[in-house]
Amino acid sequence: MDTTITLLIFQTLTAFLNIYLVLIFVRILLSWFQSAEWAMNAMSFLSPITDPYLNIFRSIIPPLGGIDFSAILAIFALQFVARMLASLAPVSTGF
């Protein structure tokens, strides 16, 4: 029973990180279309969700020449954490 609960927690955290990763990708892609009103509406929804995490990396790597390379580091860090969680999860033995 403990293994089942632990596995569920690890799977939930991994799924959350993967969804958050998709939100960051969408936020980055939408930043290319800042003149479009539909993109600004979506960014106004995503910015409060993704910017606190991205700001951590923006303080480490400032934008260079108008290009924000900190997002790449943020994505790599998030993928690293997701993979570490997946590798630490107990192996499911089935039903």
N, C-alpha and C. Protein backbone atom coordinates (compact mmCIF):
# COMPACT_ATOMS: atom_id res chain seq x y z
N MET A 1 0.83 -1.19 0.00
CA MET A 1 0.00 0.00 0.00
C MET A 1 0.88 1.26 0.00
N ASP A 2 1.94 1.28 0.80
CA ASP A 2 2.83 2.44 0.83
C ASP A 2 3.47 2.68 -0.52
N THR A 3 3.84 1.61 -1.21
CA THR A 3 4.46 1.75 -2.52
C THR A 3 3.48 2.36 -3.51
N THR A 4 2.22 1.99 -3.42
CA THR A 4 1.20 2.53 -4.32
C THR A 4 1.02 4.02 -4.11
N ILE A 5 0.96 4.44 -2.87
CA ILE A 5 0.81 5.87 -2.57
C ILE A 5 2.04 6.65 -3.00
N THR A 6 3.20 6.11 -2.73
CA THR A 6 4.44 6.77 -3.13
C THR A 6 4.53 6.88 -4.64
N LEU A 7 4.17 5.82 -5.35
CA LEU A 7 4.18 5.83 -6.80
C LEU A 7 3.20 6.87 -7.33
N LEU A 8 2.04 6.96 -6.74
CA LEU A 8 1.04 7.95 -7.15
C LEU A 8 1.55 9.38 -6.95
N ILE A 9 2.22 9.62 -5.84
CA ILE A 9 2.79 10.95 -5.57
C ILE A 9 3.86 11.29 -6.59
N PHE A 10 4.76 10.37 -6.87
CA PHE A 10 5.81 10.61 -7.86
C PHE A 10 5.22 10.84 -9.25
N GLN A 11 4.24 10.04 -9.63
CA GLN A 11 3.61 10.21 -10.94
C GLN A 11 2.88 11.54 -11.04
N THR A 12 2.23 11.95 -9.97
CA THR A 12 1.51 13.23 -9.97
C THR A 12 2.48 14.39 -10.08
N LEU A 13 3.57 14.35 -9.33
CA LEU A 13 4.58 15.41 -9.41
C LEU A 13 5.22 15.48 -10.79
N THR A 14 5.51 14.32 -11.37
CA THR A 14 6.10 14.28 -12.70
C THR A 14 5.12 14.83 -13.74
N ALA A 15 3.85 14.48 -13.62
CA ALA A 15 2.85 15.00 -14.55
C ALA A 15 2.70 16.51 -14.40
N PHE A 16 2.72 17.00 -13.16
CA PHE A 16 2.63 18.44 -12.92
C PHE A 16 3.81 19.16 -13.57
N LEU A 17 5.01 18.63 -13.40
CA LEU A 17 6.19 19.26 -13.99
C LEU A 17 6.12 19.25 -15.51
N ASN A 18 5.61 18.18 -16.09
CA ASN A 18 5.48 18.12 -17.55
C ASN A 18 4.44 19.13 -18.06
N ILE A 19 3.34 19.29 -17.35
CA ILE A 19 2.34 20.28 -17.73
C ILE A 19 2.91 21.68 -17.59
N TYR A 20 3.64 21.92 -16.52
CA TYR A 20 4.26 23.23 -16.31
C TYR A 20 5.29 23.52 -17.41
N LEU A 21 5.98 22.50 -17.85
CA LEU A 21 6.94 22.66 -18.93
C LEU A 21 6.24 23.08 -20.22
N VAL A 22 5.10 22.48 -20.50
CA VAL A 22 4.32 22.87 -21.68
C VAL A 22 3.86 24.31 -21.55
N LEU A 23 3.42 24.72 -20.37
CA LEU A 23 3.00 26.11 -20.17
C LEU A 23 4.15 27.09 -20.41
N ILE A 24 5.34 26.71 -20.00
CA ILE A 24 6.51 27.57 -20.23
C ILE A 24 6.81 27.66 -21.73
N PHE A 25 6.73 26.53 -22.43
CA PHE A 25 6.95 26.55 -23.88
C PHE A 25 5.93 27.45 -24.57
N VAL A 26 4.66 27.33 -24.19
CA VAL A 26 3.62 28.16 -24.79
C VAL A 26 3.88 29.63 -24.49
N ARG A 27 4.27 29.92 -23.26
CA ARG A 27 4.57 31.31 -22.87
C ARG A 27 5.72 31.88 -23.70
N ILE A 28 6.75 31.09 -23.93
CA ILE A 28 7.89 31.53 -24.72
C ILE A 28 7.48 31.76 -26.18
N LEU A 29 6.71 30.83 -26.73
CA LEU A 29 6.26 31.00 -28.11
C LEU A 29 5.34 32.21 -28.28
N LEU A 30 4.50 32.45 -27.32
CA LEU A 30 3.60 33.60 -27.40
C LEU A 30 4.34 34.93 -27.31
N SER A 31 5.51 34.91 -26.69
CA SER A 31 6.27 36.16 -26.59
C SER A 31 6.77 36.62 -27.96
N TRP A 32 6.78 35.74 -28.94
CA TRP A 32 7.18 36.12 -30.30
C TRP A 32 6.07 36.89 -31.02
N PHE A 33 4.84 36.79 -30.54
CA PHE A 33 3.69 37.43 -31.19
C PHE A 33 3.09 38.52 -30.30
N GLN A 34 3.91 39.37 -29.77
CA GLN A 34 3.45 40.38 -28.82
C GLN A 34 2.51 41.41 -29.44
N SER A 35 2.55 41.57 -30.75
CA SER A 35 1.67 42.56 -31.37
C SER A 35 0.26 42.02 -31.59
N ALA A 36 0.07 40.72 -31.52
CA ALA A 36 -1.25 40.13 -31.71
C ALA A 36 -2.04 40.18 -30.40
N GLU A 37 -3.29 40.60 -30.51
CA GLU A 37 -4.12 40.74 -29.31
C GLU A 37 -4.40 39.39 -28.67
N TRP A 38 -4.61 38.36 -29.48
CA TRP A 38 -4.90 37.04 -28.94
C TRP A 38 -3.72 36.50 -28.13
N ALA A 39 -2.50 36.84 -28.59
CA ALA A 39 -1.31 36.39 -27.87
C ALA A 39 -1.18 37.12 -26.54
N MET A 40 -1.51 38.39 -26.55
CA MET A 40 -1.43 39.16 -25.30
C MET A 40 -2.45 38.66 -24.28
N ASN A 41 -3.63 38.27 -24.74
CA ASN A 41 -4.64 37.73 -23.83
C ASN A 41 -4.15 36.43 -23.19
N ALA A 42 -3.55 35.57 -23.99
CA ALA A 42 -3.03 34.31 -23.47
C ALA A 42 -1.85 34.56 -22.54
N MET A 43 -0.99 35.52 -22.92
CA MET A 43 0.18 35.81 -22.07
C MET A 43 -0.24 36.42 -20.74
N SER A 44 -1.31 37.21 -20.74
CA SER A 44 -1.76 37.79 -19.47
C SER A 44 -2.27 36.70 -18.53
N PHE A 45 -2.71 35.57 -19.09
CA PHE A 45 -3.11 34.43 -18.26
C PHE A 45 -1.90 33.63 -17.81
N LEU A 46 -0.93 33.41 -18.71
CA LEU A 46 0.22 32.55 -18.41
C LEU A 46 1.31 33.24 -17.61
N SER A 47 1.48 34.53 -17.77
CA SER A 47 2.57 35.24 -17.10
C SER A 47 2.58 35.08 -15.59
N PRO A 48 1.45 35.26 -14.90
CA PRO A 48 1.50 35.07 -13.45
C PRO A 48 1.84 33.64 -13.02
N ILE A 49 1.61 32.68 -13.91
CA ILE A 49 1.88 31.28 -13.59
C ILE A 49 3.35 30.94 -13.84
N THR A 50 3.91 31.42 -14.95
CA THR A 50 5.24 31.00 -15.36
C THR A 50 6.34 31.98 -14.99
N ASP A 51 6.03 33.26 -14.90
CA ASP A 51 7.08 34.25 -14.67
C ASP A 51 7.80 34.12 -13.32
N PRO A 52 7.14 33.74 -12.24
CA PRO A 52 7.93 33.58 -11.00
C PRO A 52 9.06 32.56 -11.14
N TYR A 53 8.80 31.47 -11.84
CA TYR A 53 9.86 30.47 -12.06
C TYR A 53 10.90 31.01 -13.03
N LEU A 54 10.47 31.63 -14.11
CA LEU A 54 11.41 32.15 -15.10
C LEU A 54 12.25 33.29 -14.54
N ASN A 55 11.69 34.08 -13.64
CA ASN A 55 12.44 35.20 -13.05
C ASN A 55 13.64 34.74 -12.23
N ILE A 56 13.56 33.55 -11.68
CA ILE A 56 14.71 33.00 -10.94
C ILE A 56 15.91 32.90 -11.88
N PHE A 57 15.68 32.44 -13.09
CA PHE A 57 16.77 32.26 -14.04
C PHE A 57 17.13 33.56 -14.75
N ARG A 58 16.17 34.48 -14.84
CA ARG A 58 16.48 35.79 -15.42
C ARG A 58 17.43 36.58 -14.53
N SER A 59 17.38 36.32 -13.23
CA SER A 59 18.31 37.00 -12.33
C SER A 59 19.73 36.43 -12.46
N ILE A 60 19.84 35.19 -12.95
CA ILE A 60 21.14 34.56 -13.15
C ILE A 60 21.72 34.96 -14.51
N ILE A 61 20.89 34.88 -15.55
CA ILE A 61 21.33 35.21 -16.92
C ILE A 61 20.45 36.33 -17.45
N PRO A 62 20.95 37.56 -17.50
CA PRO A 62 20.13 38.65 -18.05
C PRO A 62 19.99 38.51 -19.56
N PRO A 63 18.93 39.11 -20.14
CA PRO A 63 18.76 39.05 -21.60
C PRO A 63 19.95 39.69 -22.32
N LEU A 64 20.40 39.03 -23.37
CA LEU A 64 21.54 39.51 -24.15
C LEU A 64 21.05 39.89 -25.55
N GLY A 65 21.15 41.16 -25.90
CA GLY A 65 20.73 41.61 -27.21
C GLY A 65 19.25 41.41 -27.47
N GLY A 66 18.43 41.49 -26.44
CA GLY A 66 17.00 41.31 -26.59
C GLY A 66 16.54 39.87 -26.61
N ILE A 67 17.47 38.94 -26.45
CA ILE A 67 17.11 37.52 -26.44
C ILE A 67 17.28 36.98 -25.02
N ASP A 68 16.24 36.34 -24.55
CA ASP A 68 16.22 35.82 -23.18
C ASP A 68 16.68 34.36 -23.17
N PHE A 69 17.95 34.14 -22.90
CA PHE A 69 18.50 32.79 -22.85
C PHE A 69 18.20 32.09 -21.53
N SER A 70 17.72 32.83 -20.55
CA SER A 70 17.44 32.21 -19.25
C SER A 70 16.31 31.19 -19.34
N ALA A 71 15.43 31.34 -20.31
CA ALA A 71 14.34 30.38 -20.46
C ALA A 71 14.88 29.00 -20.82
N ILE A 72 15.96 28.96 -21.58
CA ILE A 72 16.56 27.67 -21.94
C ILE A 72 17.08 26.97 -20.68
N LEU A 73 17.75 27.72 -19.83
CA LEU A 73 18.25 27.16 -18.57
C LEU A 73 17.09 26.71 -17.68
N ALA A 74 16.02 27.49 -17.65
CA ALA A 74 14.85 27.14 -16.85
C ALA A 74 14.22 25.84 -17.34
N ILE A 75 14.14 25.66 -18.65
CA ILE A 75 13.57 24.44 -19.21
C ILE A 75 14.46 23.24 -18.90
N PHE A 76 15.77 23.39 -19.06
CA PHE A 76 16.69 22.29 -18.74
C PHE A 76 16.59 21.91 -17.26
N ALA A 77 16.50 22.88 -16.38
CA ALA A 77 16.40 22.60 -14.96
C ALA A 77 15.10 21.85 -14.63
N LEU A 78 14.01 22.28 -15.24
CA LEU A 78 12.73 21.62 -15.01
C LEU A 78 12.74 20.19 -15.54
N GLN A 79 13.33 19.99 -16.71
CA GLN A 79 13.44 18.64 -17.25
C GLN A 79 14.33 17.76 -16.37
N PHE A 80 15.39 18.31 -15.84
CA PHE A 80 16.28 17.57 -14.96
C PHE A 80 15.54 17.11 -13.71
N VAL A 81 14.78 18.00 -13.11
CA VAL A 81 14.03 17.65 -11.90
C VAL A 81 12.98 16.59 -12.22
N ALA A 82 12.29 16.73 -13.35
CA ALA A 82 11.27 15.75 -13.73
C ALA A 82 11.90 14.37 -13.94
N ARG A 83 13.07 14.33 -14.57
CA ARG A 83 13.74 13.04 -14.79
C ARG A 83 14.25 12.44 -13.49
N MET A 84 14.72 13.29 -12.59
CA MET A 84 15.17 12.78 -11.29
C MET A 84 14.00 12.18 -10.52
N LEU A 85 12.85 12.85 -10.56
CA LEU A 85 11.67 12.30 -9.88
C LEU A 85 11.25 10.98 -10.50
N ALA A 86 11.29 10.92 -11.82
CA ALA A 86 10.89 9.68 -12.50
C ALA A 86 11.85 8.54 -12.17
N SER A 87 13.14 8.85 -12.04
CA SER A 87 14.10 7.79 -11.72
C SER A 87 14.03 7.36 -10.26
N LEU A 88 13.59 8.26 -9.40
CA LEU A 88 13.49 7.91 -7.97
C LEU A 88 12.19 7.21 -7.63
N ALA A 89 11.22 7.24 -8.53
CA ALA A 89 9.92 6.63 -8.25
C ALA A 89 10.07 5.12 -8.10
N PRO A 90 9.33 4.55 -7.18
CA PRO A 90 9.39 3.09 -7.02
C PRO A 90 8.81 2.41 -8.26
N VAL A 91 9.27 1.21 -8.53
CA VAL A 91 8.81 0.47 -9.69
C VAL A 91 7.44 -0.11 -9.41
N SER A 92 6.53 0.08 -10.36
CA SER A 92 5.19 -0.46 -10.21
C SER A 92 5.23 -1.98 -10.46
N THR A 93 4.60 -2.73 -9.58
CA THR A 93 4.59 -4.18 -9.71
C THR A 93 3.32 -4.67 -10.40
N GLY A 94 2.46 -3.76 -10.80
CA GLY A 94 1.22 -4.17 -11.48
C GLY A 94 0.09 -4.27 -10.48
N PHE A 95 -0.94 -5.00 -10.88
CA PHE A 95 -2.15 -5.08 -10.05
C PHE A 95 -2.06 -6.18 -9.06
